[in-house]
Amino acid sequence: MDKRIVLSNGGELIPDRMERPFVFVENHEPVVLSLAVKKANDSYVVLIPLRH
């Protein structure tokens, strides 16, 4: 799997690891994909809006 996340400013995030995906649902529709990300010594959560 290609581990690239395109950022809103046109840049890219290439993490070492992505795990624990979670989909937030509102009114029975998926709204946001959440991923735990590890890059070097940093770890954080990335929120990706889902569009229809």
PDB file of N, CA and C in Angstrom:
ATOM      1  N   MET A   1       0.844  -1.186   0.000  1.00  0.00           N
ATOM      2  CA  MET A   1       0.000   0.000   0.000  1.00  0.00           C
ATOM      3  C   MET A   1       0.882   1.240   0.000  1.00  0.00           C
ATOM      4  N   ASP A   2       0.558   2.180  -0.832  1.00  0.00           N
ATOM      5  CA  ASP A   2       1.258   3.460  -0.881  1.00  0.00           C
ATOM      6  C   ASP A   2       0.876   4.267   0.346  1.00  0.00           C
ATOM      7  N   LYS A   3       1.845   4.648   1.150  1.00  0.00           N
ATOM      8  CA  LYS A   3       1.559   5.376   2.389  1.00  0.00           C
ATOM      9  C   LYS A   3       1.792   6.863   2.186  1.00  0.00           C
ATOM     10  N   ARG A   4       1.072   7.473   1.298  1.00  0.00           N
ATOM     11  CA  ARG A   4       1.165   8.913   1.056  1.00  0.00           C
ATOM     12  C   ARG A   4      -0.176   9.561   1.368  1.00  0.00           C
ATOM     13  N   ILE A   5      -0.107  10.652   2.093  1.00  0.00           N
ATOM     14  CA  ILE A   5      -1.309  11.438   2.376  1.00  0.00           C
ATOM     15  C   ILE A   5      -1.088  12.811   1.769  1.00  0.00           C
ATOM     16  N   VAL A   6      -1.948  13.199   0.829  1.00  0.00           N
ATOM     17  CA  VAL A   6      -1.843  14.510   0.195  1.00  0.00           C
ATOM     18  C   VAL A   6      -2.463  15.539   1.131  1.00  0.00           C
ATOM     19  N   LEU A   7      -1.704  16.583   1.440  1.00  0.00           N
ATOM     20  CA  LEU A   7      -2.151  17.628   2.356  1.00  0.00           C
ATOM     21  C   LEU A   7      -2.918  18.716   1.607  1.00  0.00           C
ATOM     22  N   SER A   8      -3.700  19.484   2.327  1.00  0.00           N
ATOM     23  CA  SER A   8      -4.523  20.529   1.704  1.00  0.00           C
ATOM     24  C   SER A   8      -3.681  21.614   1.038  1.00  0.00           C
ATOM     25  N   ASN A   9      -2.409  21.769   1.461  1.00  0.00           N
ATOM     26  CA  ASN A   9      -1.543  22.784   0.846  1.00  0.00           C
ATOM     27  C   ASN A   9      -0.782  22.242  -0.355  1.00  0.00           C
ATOM     28  N   GLY A  10      -1.089  20.979  -0.762  1.00  0.00           N
ATOM     29  CA  GLY A  10      -0.451  20.378  -1.921  1.00  0.00           C
ATOM     30  C   GLY A  10       0.764  19.532  -1.574  1.00  0.00           C
ATOM     31  N   GLY A  11       1.244  19.624  -0.344  1.00  0.00           N
ATOM     32  CA  GLY A  11       2.374  18.810   0.092  1.00  0.00           C
ATOM     33  C   GLY A  11       1.953  17.379   0.351  1.00  0.00           C
ATOM     34  N   GLU A  12       2.922  16.555   0.737  1.00  0.00           N
ATOM     35  CA  GLU A  12       2.644  15.157   1.028  1.00  0.00           C
ATOM     36  C   GLU A  12       3.202  14.779   2.386  1.00  0.00           C
ATOM     37  N   LEU A  13       2.513  13.892   3.059  1.00  0.00           N
ATOM     38  CA  LEU A  13       2.991  13.280   4.293  1.00  0.00           C
ATOM     39  C   LEU A  13       3.254  11.821   3.958  1.00  0.00           C
ATOM     40  N   ILE A  14       4.484  11.366   4.191  1.00  0.00           N
ATOM     41  CA  ILE A  14       4.845   9.973   3.937  1.00  0.00           C
ATOM     42  C   ILE A  14       5.258   9.362   5.268  1.00  0.00           C
ATOM     43  N   PRO A  15       4.294   8.769   5.976  1.00  0.00           N
ATOM     44  CA  PRO A  15       4.569   8.224   7.306  1.00  0.00           C
ATOM     45  C   PRO A  15       5.313   6.890   7.232  1.00  0.00           C
ATOM     46  N   ASP A  16       5.949   6.544   8.351  1.00  0.00           N
ATOM     47  CA  ASP A  16       6.576   5.227   8.470  1.00  0.00           C
ATOM     48  C   ASP A  16       5.502   4.160   8.650  1.00  0.00           C
ATOM     49  N   ARG A  17       4.480   4.487   9.439  1.00  0.00           N
ATOM     50  CA  ARG A  17       3.390   3.543   9.705  1.00  0.00           C
ATOM     51  C   ARG A  17       2.063   4.277   9.770  1.00  0.00           C
ATOM     52  N   MET A  18       1.001   3.589   9.331  1.00  0.00           N
ATOM     53  CA  MET A  18      -0.372   4.065   9.516  1.00  0.00           C
ATOM     54  C   MET A  18      -1.158   2.889  10.072  1.00  0.00           C
ATOM     55  N   GLU A  19      -1.945   3.127  11.110  1.00  0.00           N
ATOM     56  CA  GLU A  19      -2.730   2.040  11.697  1.00  0.00           C
ATOM     57  C   GLU A  19      -3.950   2.586  12.410  1.00  0.00           C
ATOM     58  N   ARG A  20      -4.755   1.679  12.936  1.00  0.00           N
ATOM     59  CA  ARG A  20      -5.978   1.981  13.688  1.00  0.00           C
ATOM     60  C   ARG A  20      -6.950   2.892  12.927  1.00  0.00           C
ATOM     61  N   PRO A  21      -7.331   2.523  11.710  1.00  0.00           N
ATOM     62  CA  PRO A  21      -8.297   3.352  10.992  1.00  0.00           C
ATOM     63  C   PRO A  21      -9.647   3.351  11.707  1.00  0.00           C
ATOM     64  N   PHE A  22     -10.303   4.488  11.657  1.00  0.00           N
ATOM     65  CA  PHE A  22     -11.613   4.639  12.278  1.00  0.00           C
ATOM     66  C   PHE A  22     -12.426   5.582  11.411  1.00  0.00           C
ATOM     67  N   VAL A  23     -13.660   5.218  11.113  1.00  0.00           N
ATOM     68  CA  VAL A  23     -14.538   6.060  10.309  1.00  0.00           C
ATOM     69  C   VAL A  23     -15.591   6.684  11.216  1.00  0.00           C
ATOM     70  N   PHE A  24     -15.662   8.009  11.198  1.00  0.00           N
ATOM     71  CA  PHE A  24     -16.703   8.727  11.933  1.00  0.00           C
ATOM     72  C   PHE A  24     -17.943   8.798  11.052  1.00  0.00           C
ATOM     73  N   VAL A  25     -19.094   8.432  11.615  1.00  0.00           N
ATOM     74  CA  VAL A  25     -20.348   8.400  10.873  1.00  0.00           C
ATOM     75  C   VAL A  25     -21.316   9.412  11.481  1.00  0.00           C
ATOM     76  N   GLU A  26     -21.972  10.153  10.602  1.00  0.00           N
ATOM     77  CA  GLU A  26     -22.973  11.136  11.044  1.00  0.00           C
ATOM     78  C   GLU A  26     -24.195  10.971  10.153  1.00  0.00           C
ATOM     79  N   ASN A  27     -25.359  10.821  10.759  1.00  0.00           N
ATOM     80  CA  ASN A  27     -26.605  10.619  10.001  1.00  0.00           C
ATOM     81  C   ASN A  27     -26.476   9.442   9.031  1.00  0.00           C
ATOM     82  N   HIS A  28     -25.850   8.369   9.500  1.00  0.00           N
ATOM     83  CA  HIS A  28     -25.685   7.135   8.728  1.00  0.00           C
ATOM     84  C   HIS A  28     -24.786   7.291   7.510  1.00  0.00           C
ATOM     85  N   GLU A  29     -23.981   8.347   7.451  1.00  0.00           N
ATOM     86  CA  GLU A  29     -23.061   8.583   6.338  1.00  0.00           C
ATOM     87  C   GLU A  29     -21.638   8.720   6.877  1.00  0.00           C
ATOM     88  N   PRO A  30     -20.640   8.076   6.232  1.00  0.00           N
ATOM     89  CA  PRO A  30     -19.248   8.270   6.648  1.00  0.00           C
ATOM     90  C   PRO A  30     -18.818   9.712   6.387  1.00  0.00           C
ATOM     91  N   VAL A  31     -18.175  10.327   7.380  1.00  0.00           N
ATOM     92  CA  VAL A  31     -17.816  11.740   7.278  1.00  0.00           C
ATOM     93  C   VAL A  31     -16.299  11.942   7.295  1.00  0.00           C
ATOM     94  N   VAL A  32     -15.604  11.251   8.194  1.00  0.00           N
ATOM     95  CA  VAL A  32     -14.167  11.455   8.371  1.00  0.00           C
ATOM     96  C   VAL A  32     -13.481  10.113   8.606  1.00  0.00           C
ATOM     97  N   LEU A  33     -12.320   9.938   7.972  1.00  0.00           N
ATOM     98  CA  LEU A  33     -11.458   8.790   8.237  1.00  0.00           C
ATOM     99  C   LEU A  33     -10.338   9.260   9.152  1.00  0.00           C
ATOM    100  N   SER A  34     -10.118   8.549  10.237  1.00  0.00           N
ATOM    101  CA  SER A  34      -9.079   8.868  11.211  1.00  0.00           C
ATOM    102  C   SER A  34      -8.016   7.770  11.155  1.00  0.00           C
ATOM    103  N   LEU A  35      -6.728   8.168  11.139  1.00  0.00           N
ATOM    104  CA  LEU A  35      -5.624   7.208  11.101  1.00  0.00           C
ATOM    105  C   LEU A  35      -4.570   7.585  12.135  1.00  0.00           C
ATOM    106  N   ALA A  36      -4.072   6.604  12.859  1.00  0.00           N
ATOM    107  CA  ALA A  36      -2.913   6.829  13.722  1.00  0.00           C
ATOM    108  C   ALA A  36      -1.676   6.756  12.826  1.00  0.00           C
ATOM    109  N   VAL A  37      -0.788   7.739  12.962  1.00  0.00           N
ATOM    110  CA  VAL A  37       0.386   7.854  12.097  1.00  0.00           C
ATOM    111  C   VAL A  37       1.644   7.918  12.944  1.00  0.00           C
ATOM    112  N   LYS A  38       2.684   7.223  12.475  1.00  0.00           N
ATOM    113  CA  LYS A  38       3.998   7.269  13.118  1.00  0.00           C
ATOM    114  C   LYS A  38       5.005   7.694  12.065  1.00  0.00           C
ATOM    115  N   LYS A  39       5.771   8.756  12.345  1.00  0.00           N
ATOM    116  CA  LYS A  39       6.827   9.224  11.447  1.00  0.00           C
ATOM    117  C   LYS A  39       8.022   9.605  12.292  1.00  0.00           C
ATOM    118  N   ALA A  40       9.103   8.859  12.124  1.00  0.00           N
ATOM    119  CA  ALA A  40      10.315   9.041  12.929  1.00  0.00           C
ATOM    120  C   ALA A  40       9.949   8.947  14.412  1.00  0.00           C
ATOM    121  N   ASN A  41      10.213   9.989  15.202  1.00  0.00           N
ATOM    122  CA  ASN A  41       9.903   9.967  16.636  1.00  0.00           C
ATOM    123  C   ASN A  41       8.550  10.583  16.967  1.00  0.00           C
ATOM    124  N   ASP A  42       7.798  10.993  15.954  1.00  0.00           N
ATOM    125  CA  ASP A  42       6.497  11.633  16.166  1.00  0.00           C
ATOM    126  C   ASP A  42       5.365  10.642  15.920  1.00  0.00           C
ATOM    127  N   SER A  43       4.294  10.794  16.667  1.00  0.00           N
ATOM    128  CA  SER A  43       3.075  10.020  16.404  1.00  0.00           C
ATOM    129  C   SER A  43       1.884  10.935  16.636  1.00  0.00           C
ATOM    130  N   TYR A  44       0.874  10.780  15.803  1.00  0.00           N
ATOM    131  CA  TYR A  44      -0.289  11.655  15.877  1.00  0.00           C
ATOM    132  C   TYR A  44      -1.445  11.028  15.121  1.00  0.00           C
ATOM    133  N   VAL A  45      -2.576  11.704  15.106  1.00  0.00           N
ATOM    134  CA  VAL A  45      -3.759  11.254  14.397  1.00  0.00           C
ATOM    135  C   VAL A  45      -4.007  12.189  13.211  1.00  0.00           C
ATOM    136  N   VAL A  46      -4.279  11.597  12.064  1.00  0.00           N
ATOM    137  CA  VAL A  46      -4.603  12.361  10.855  1.00  0.00           C
ATOM    138  C   VAL A  46      -6.092  12.182  10.598  1.00  0.00           C
ATOM    139  N   LEU A  47      -6.793  13.278  10.327  1.00  0.00           N
ATOM    140  CA  LEU A  47      -8.223  13.249  10.003  1.00  0.00           C
ATOM    141  C   LEU A  47      -8.394  13.588   8.533  1.00  0.00           C
ATOM    142  N   ILE A  48      -9.028  12.677   7.787  1.00  0.00           N
ATOM    143  CA  ILE A  48      -9.224  12.862   6.350  1.00  0.00           C
ATOM    144  C   ILE A  48     -10.723  12.962   6.078  1.00  0.00           C
ATOM    145  N   PRO A  49     -11.195  14.134   5.605  1.00  0.00           N
ATOM    146  CA  PRO A  49     -12.615  14.268   5.296  1.00  0.00           C
ATOM    147  C   PRO A  49     -12.981  13.366   4.119  1.00  0.00           C
ATOM    148  N   LEU A  50     -14.141  12.725   4.197  1.00  0.00           N
ATOM    149  CA  LEU A  50     -14.620  11.865   3.128  1.00  0.00           C
ATOM    150  C   LEU A  50     -15.675  12.612   2.336  1.00  0.00           C
ATOM    151  N   ARG A  51     -15.552  12.570   1.040  1.00  0.00           N
ATOM    152  CA  ARG A  51     -16.501  13.287   0.170  1.00  0.00           C
ATOM    153  C   ARG A  51     -17.276  12.285  -0.643  1.00  0.00           C
ATOM    154  N   HIS A  52     -18.481  12.653  -1.031  1.00  0.00           N
ATOM    155  CA  HIS A  52     -19.328  11.782  -1.863  1.00  0.00           C
ATOM    156  C   HIS A  52     -19.001  11.998  -3.314  1.00  0.00           C
TER     157      HIS A  52
END
